[in-house]
């Protein structure tokens, strides 16, 4: 990890647990629910090719570029075959096709930091009735792509960026444009500031199940942001490398 030191994973675990929802293909509310994460439309009679639909949808996430320093970008265009890989992955996630997604991963895919890895476990997680991992993948796809050391790629884009002096236990990404920083934790409260793909920090830790979280913005203002507009910097990321002529997923990880 380029930018984060060792930090608490408590906020990540709680945020993922209290906000996931198995409604395909839209991301869980704990992840990106802004204009950049609009669900990918299904193939239809007018446009039956799911990879073509996926290609148009991927472009729409990054072009035109959204306001905000950490808005999603696609920096994987120069990696041979990476675009076709991402289109194929997006189409498989849209179709909720666990078998197809698992076939795109290496046999020893990393799934965590406790040694419980491998393609069989990956497939089992993708088939879990709660749909959690499929939702996590759906949440990742709108967040851009960056090249990584050794010629691989990382999704989301921001995970490969130098974010400066960030506390990994409290930092959150505001996933949207003009998200209000409210004076009170309730809808319609007076906005003290508007945030667009900015980093904020939790001031009192995460409040599980709460619709709003108290945060401090980069400008130093304290207020409340809707929980479904916040994403932990330690939330899931996907790593892939090219092996021969094919790209393969080598890790789907959360935490540090």
Protein backbone atom coordinates (compact mmCIF):
# COMPACT_ATOMS: atom_id res chain seq x y z
CA UNK A 1 0.00 0.00 0.00
CA UNK A 2 1.53 3.29 -1.05
CA UNK A 3 -0.05 5.84 1.19
CA UNK A 4 -1.39 4.32 4.36
CA UNK A 5 0.38 3.30 7.50
CA UNK A 6 -0.81 0.50 9.73
CA UNK A 7 -4.18 1.53 11.20
CA UNK A 8 -7.34 0.31 12.84
CA UNK A 9 -9.58 -1.92 10.75
CA UNK A 10 -12.55 -1.49 13.07
CA UNK A 11 -14.15 1.34 11.12
CA UNK A 12 -13.79 -0.58 7.86
CA UNK A 13 -15.42 -3.70 9.23
CA UNK A 14 -18.30 -1.83 10.81
CA UNK A 15 -18.92 0.34 7.77
CA UNK A 16 -19.05 -2.67 5.47
CA UNK A 17 -21.25 -4.62 7.85
CA UNK A 18 -23.85 -1.98 8.51
CA UNK A 19 -24.33 -0.75 4.96
CA UNK A 20 -24.14 -3.63 2.49
CA UNK A 21 -27.23 -4.61 0.52
CA UNK A 22 -27.56 -7.40 -2.04
CA UNK A 23 -29.24 -5.45 -4.82
CA UNK A 24 -27.45 -6.03 -8.13
CA UNK A 25 -25.70 -4.40 -9.78
CA UNK A 26 -25.61 -1.21 -7.73
CA UNK A 27 -22.86 -0.78 -5.16
CA UNK A 28 -23.64 -1.08 -1.47
CA UNK A 29 -24.47 2.27 0.09
CA UNK A 30 -21.24 2.16 2.09
CA UNK A 31 -19.41 2.55 -1.19
CA UNK A 32 -19.80 4.84 -4.19
CA UNK A 33 -23.41 5.87 -4.68
CA UNK A 34 -22.74 9.10 -6.55
CA UNK A 35 -23.25 9.83 -10.22
CA UNK A 36 -20.04 7.91 -10.83
CA UNK A 37 -21.57 4.70 -9.54
CA UNK A 38 -24.78 4.52 -11.50
CA UNK A 39 -25.64 0.86 -12.08
CA UNK A 40 -24.48 -0.56 -15.36
CA UNK A 41 -27.47 -1.08 -17.66
CA UNK A 42 -28.18 -4.63 -18.72
CA UNK A 43 -27.77 -5.68 -22.33
CA UNK A 44 -31.02 -5.43 -24.26
CA UNK A 45 -32.43 -6.09 -27.70
CA UNK A 46 -31.15 -2.76 -29.00
CA UNK A 47 -27.64 -3.38 -27.66
CA UNK A 48 -27.28 -7.09 -26.89
CA UNK A 49 -23.50 -7.25 -26.42
CA UNK A 50 -22.83 -7.05 -22.65
CA UNK A 51 -19.16 -6.14 -23.10
CA UNK A 52 -20.11 -3.23 -25.38
CA UNK A 53 -22.55 -2.02 -22.74
CA UNK A 54 -19.81 -2.41 -20.14
CA UNK A 55 -17.36 -0.41 -22.27
CA UNK A 56 -19.73 2.54 -22.59
CA UNK A 57 -20.52 2.39 -18.88
CA UNK A 58 -16.84 2.34 -17.85
CA UNK A 59 -16.18 5.41 -19.98
CA UNK A 60 -19.11 7.22 -18.38
CA UNK A 61 -17.57 6.83 -14.93
CA UNK A 62 -14.49 8.88 -15.75
CA UNK A 63 -15.47 11.10 -18.70
CA UNK A 64 -16.22 13.88 -18.31
CA UNK A 65 -14.04 14.04 -15.24
CA UNK A 66 -15.98 14.79 -12.08
CA UNK A 67 -14.92 17.68 -9.84
CA UNK A 68 -12.71 16.78 -6.94
CA UNK A 69 -9.08 15.85 -6.43
CA UNK A 70 -9.80 12.16 -5.89
CA UNK A 71 -12.54 11.71 -8.49
CA UNK A 72 -12.18 8.43 -10.44
CA UNK A 73 -9.69 8.29 -13.30
CA UNK A 74 -8.78 5.64 -15.83
CA UNK A 75 -5.00 5.36 -16.06
CA UNK A 76 -4.96 1.78 -17.35
CA UNK A 77 -5.43 2.61 -21.03
CA UNK A 78 -1.76 2.03 -21.79
CA UNK A 79 -1.75 -1.50 -20.40
CA UNK A 80 -2.25 -3.96 -23.28
CA UNK A 81 -5.43 -5.97 -22.85
CA UNK A 82 -6.42 -4.26 -19.61
CA UNK A 83 -9.47 -2.57 -21.10
CA UNK A 84 -10.87 -5.83 -22.51
CA UNK A 85 -10.26 -7.48 -19.13
CA UNK A 86 -12.18 -4.75 -17.29
CA UNK A 87 -15.05 -4.86 -19.77
CA UNK A 88 -15.30 -8.62 -19.35
CA UNK A 89 -15.20 -8.29 -15.57
CA UNK A 90 -17.85 -5.56 -15.56
CA UNK A 91 -20.15 -7.65 -17.75
CA UNK A 92 -19.70 -10.68 -15.48
CA UNK A 93 -20.42 -8.62 -12.36
CA UNK A 94 -23.50 -7.12 -14.00
CA UNK A 95 -24.70 -10.65 -14.80
CA UNK A 96 -23.90 -11.81 -11.25
CA UNK A 97 -21.96 -14.65 -12.90
CA UNK A 98 -19.82 -16.06 -10.10
CA UNK A 99 -18.32 -18.79 -12.26
CA UNK A 100 -17.19 -16.33 -14.92
CA UNK A 101 -15.64 -14.00 -12.35
CA UNK A 102 -13.81 -16.83 -10.60
CA UNK A 103 -12.45 -18.02 -13.97
CA UNK A 104 -10.74 -14.63 -14.32
CA UNK A 105 -8.73 -15.15 -11.11
CA UNK A 106 -5.53 -17.01 -10.36
CA UNK A 107 -5.72 -20.34 -8.49
CA UNK A 108 -4.01 -18.75 -5.48
CA UNK A 109 -5.93 -15.46 -5.42
CA UNK A 110 -5.44 -13.57 -2.15
CA UNK A 111 -8.62 -12.83 -0.24
CA UNK A 112 -7.26 -11.52 3.05
CA UNK A 113 -4.36 -11.56 5.44
CA UNK A 114 -5.08 -14.77 7.33
CA UNK A 115 -4.07 -17.29 4.68
CA UNK A 116 -7.61 -18.27 3.68
CA UNK A 117 -7.03 -17.71 -0.01
CA UNK A 118 -7.53 -19.57 -3.26
CA UNK A 119 -9.96 -19.76 -6.15
CA UNK A 120 -12.32 -22.22 -4.48
CA UNK A 121 -12.87 -19.86 -1.56
CA UNK A 122 -13.24 -16.97 -4.00
CA UNK A 123 -15.97 -18.81 -5.89
CA UNK A 124 -17.73 -19.75 -2.66
CA UNK A 125 -17.70 -16.12 -1.52
CA UNK A 126 -19.05 -14.98 -4.88
CA UNK A 127 -21.91 -17.49 -4.55
CA UNK A 128 -22.75 -16.54 -0.95
CA UNK A 129 -26.49 -15.86 -0.53
CA UNK A 130 -25.85 -12.42 0.98
CA UNK A 131 -24.24 -11.23 -2.26
CA UNK A 132 -21.69 -9.26 -0.27
CA UNK A 133 -18.61 -9.90 -2.39
CA UNK A 134 -20.47 -9.36 -5.65
CA UNK A 135 -21.70 -6.06 -4.27
CA UNK A 136 -18.16 -5.12 -3.28
CA UNK A 137 -16.98 -5.77 -6.83
CA UNK A 138 -19.86 -3.71 -8.20
CA UNK A 139 -18.79 -0.90 -5.89
CA UNK A 140 -15.19 -1.02 -7.13
CA UNK A 141 -15.81 -0.84 -10.86
CA UNK A 142 -16.94 2.82 -11.04
CA UNK A 143 -13.89 4.02 -9.06
CA UNK A 144 -11.34 4.05 -11.86
CA UNK A 145 -8.18 2.09 -12.54
CA UNK A 146 -4.47 2.72 -12.01
CA UNK A 147 -1.35 0.94 -13.11
CA UNK A 148 0.68 -0.67 -10.34
CA UNK A 149 4.28 -1.72 -9.85
CA UNK A 150 5.39 -4.49 -12.16
CA UNK A 151 2.86 -3.70 -14.88
CA UNK A 152 -0.26 -4.74 -12.99
CA UNK A 153 -3.41 -2.78 -12.32
CA UNK A 154 -5.33 -1.70 -9.25
CA UNK A 155 -9.00 -0.88 -8.85
CA UNK A 156 -9.91 1.64 -7.42
CA UNK A 157 -7.68 4.29 -8.94
CA UNK A 158 -7.14 6.22 -5.70
CA UNK A 159 -5.54 3.25 -3.97
CA UNK A 160 -2.36 3.73 -6.01
CA UNK A 161 -2.11 7.45 -5.31
CA UNK A 162 0.02 9.27 -2.76
CA UNK A 163 -2.55 10.70 -0.38
CA UNK A 164 -0.14 12.28 2.06
CA UNK A 165 -0.31 12.07 5.82
CA UNK A 166 -3.50 10.08 6.24
CA UNK A 167 -4.72 8.16 9.29
CA UNK A 168 -5.93 4.89 7.86
CA UNK A 169 -8.17 4.27 10.85
CA UNK A 170 -10.25 7.41 10.42
CA UNK A 171 -9.91 8.56 6.80
CA UNK A 172 -12.89 8.37 4.48
CA UNK A 173 -13.42 9.30 0.84
CA UNK A 174 -16.50 11.36 0.05
CA UNK A 175 -17.91 9.58 -3.00
CA UNK A 176 -19.78 12.22 -4.91
CA UNK A 177 -20.02 15.79 -6.08
CA UNK A 178 -21.35 18.63 -3.91
CA UNK A 179 -22.03 16.33 -0.96
CA UNK A 180 -23.12 18.59 1.91
CA UNK A 181 -21.24 18.79 5.18
CA UNK A 182 -24.20 19.37 7.48
CA UNK A 183 -24.37 21.29 10.74
CA UNK A 184 -26.63 18.61 12.22
CA UNK A 185 -27.06 14.87 11.53
CA UNK A 186 -30.40 15.15 9.80
CA UNK A 187 -31.72 15.71 6.30
CA UNK A 188 -32.26 19.34 5.44
CA UNK A 189 -29.78 20.64 8.01
CA UNK A 190 -27.82 23.72 7.04
CA UNK A 191 -24.77 22.85 4.91
CA UNK A 192 -21.52 24.35 6.10
CA UNK A 193 -19.55 23.23 3.07
CA UNK A 194 -19.93 21.12 -0.06
CA UNK A 195 -17.50 18.29 -0.70
CA UNK A 196 -16.60 16.71 -4.03
CA UNK A 197 -14.49 13.54 -3.95
CA UNK A 198 -12.64 14.86 -0.91
CA UNK A 199 -10.93 13.12 1.99
CA UNK A 200 -12.41 13.61 5.44
CA UNK A 201 -11.66 12.08 8.82
CA UNK A 202 -14.05 10.59 11.34
CA UNK A 203 -13.93 12.72 14.47
CA UNK A 204 -15.55 10.27 16.88
CA UNK A 205 -15.08 6.98 15.10
CA UNK A 206 -17.82 5.25 13.15
CA UNK A 207 -21.35 5.15 14.54
CA UNK A 208 -22.72 1.81 13.25
CA UNK A 209 -26.13 2.00 11.64
CA UNK A 210 -26.28 5.79 11.79
CA UNK A 211 -27.39 7.60 8.62
CA UNK A 212 -24.77 10.32 9.21
CA UNK A 213 -21.19 10.35 10.49
CA UNK A 214 -19.38 13.23 12.15
CA UNK A 215 -16.28 14.17 10.17
CA UNK A 216 -13.71 16.90 9.75
CA UNK A 217 -13.08 18.19 6.24
CA UNK A 218 -9.72 19.08 4.73
CA UNK A 219 -10.50 22.73 5.43
CA UNK A 220 -10.84 21.95 9.13
CA UNK A 221 -14.61 22.27 9.34
CA UNK A 222 -16.53 19.73 11.42
CA UNK A 223 -19.98 18.50 10.47
CA UNK A 224 -21.98 15.49 9.35
CA UNK A 225 -21.90 13.57 6.06
CA UNK A 226 -24.37 10.91 4.98
CA UNK A 227 -22.92 7.47 5.67
CA UNK A 228 -23.81 6.27 2.18
CA UNK A 229 -21.50 8.93 0.75
CA UNK A 230 -18.44 7.72 2.64
CA UNK A 231 -16.01 4.97 1.70
CA UNK A 232 -13.18 3.74 3.89
CA UNK A 233 -9.78 4.01 2.26
CA UNK A 234 -9.21 0.45 3.44
CA UNK A 235 -12.31 -0.90 1.73
CA UNK A 236 -11.98 -3.59 -0.93
CA UNK A 237 -9.55 -3.23 -3.82
CA UNK A 238 -8.83 -5.54 -6.74
CA UNK A 239 -5.37 -6.31 -8.09
CA UNK A 240 -4.63 -7.97 -11.41
CA UNK A 241 -1.61 -8.86 -13.54
CA UNK A 242 -1.11 -10.05 -17.08
CA UNK A 243 -0.08 -13.69 -17.32
CA UNK A 244 0.82 -14.60 -20.88
CA UNK A 245 -1.98 -13.21 -23.02
CA UNK A 246 -4.55 -13.02 -20.23
CA UNK A 247 -5.15 -10.70 -17.32
CA UNK A 248 -5.87 -12.46 -14.05
CA UNK A 249 -7.20 -11.21 -10.73
CA UNK A 250 -4.54 -11.88 -8.12
CA UNK A 251 -6.19 -10.33 -5.06
CA UNK A 252 -9.46 -8.95 -3.76
CA UNK A 253 -8.57 -7.48 -0.38
CA UNK A 254 -9.85 -5.20 2.33
CA UNK A 255 -7.77 -3.86 5.21
CA UNK A 256 -4.09 -3.12 5.54
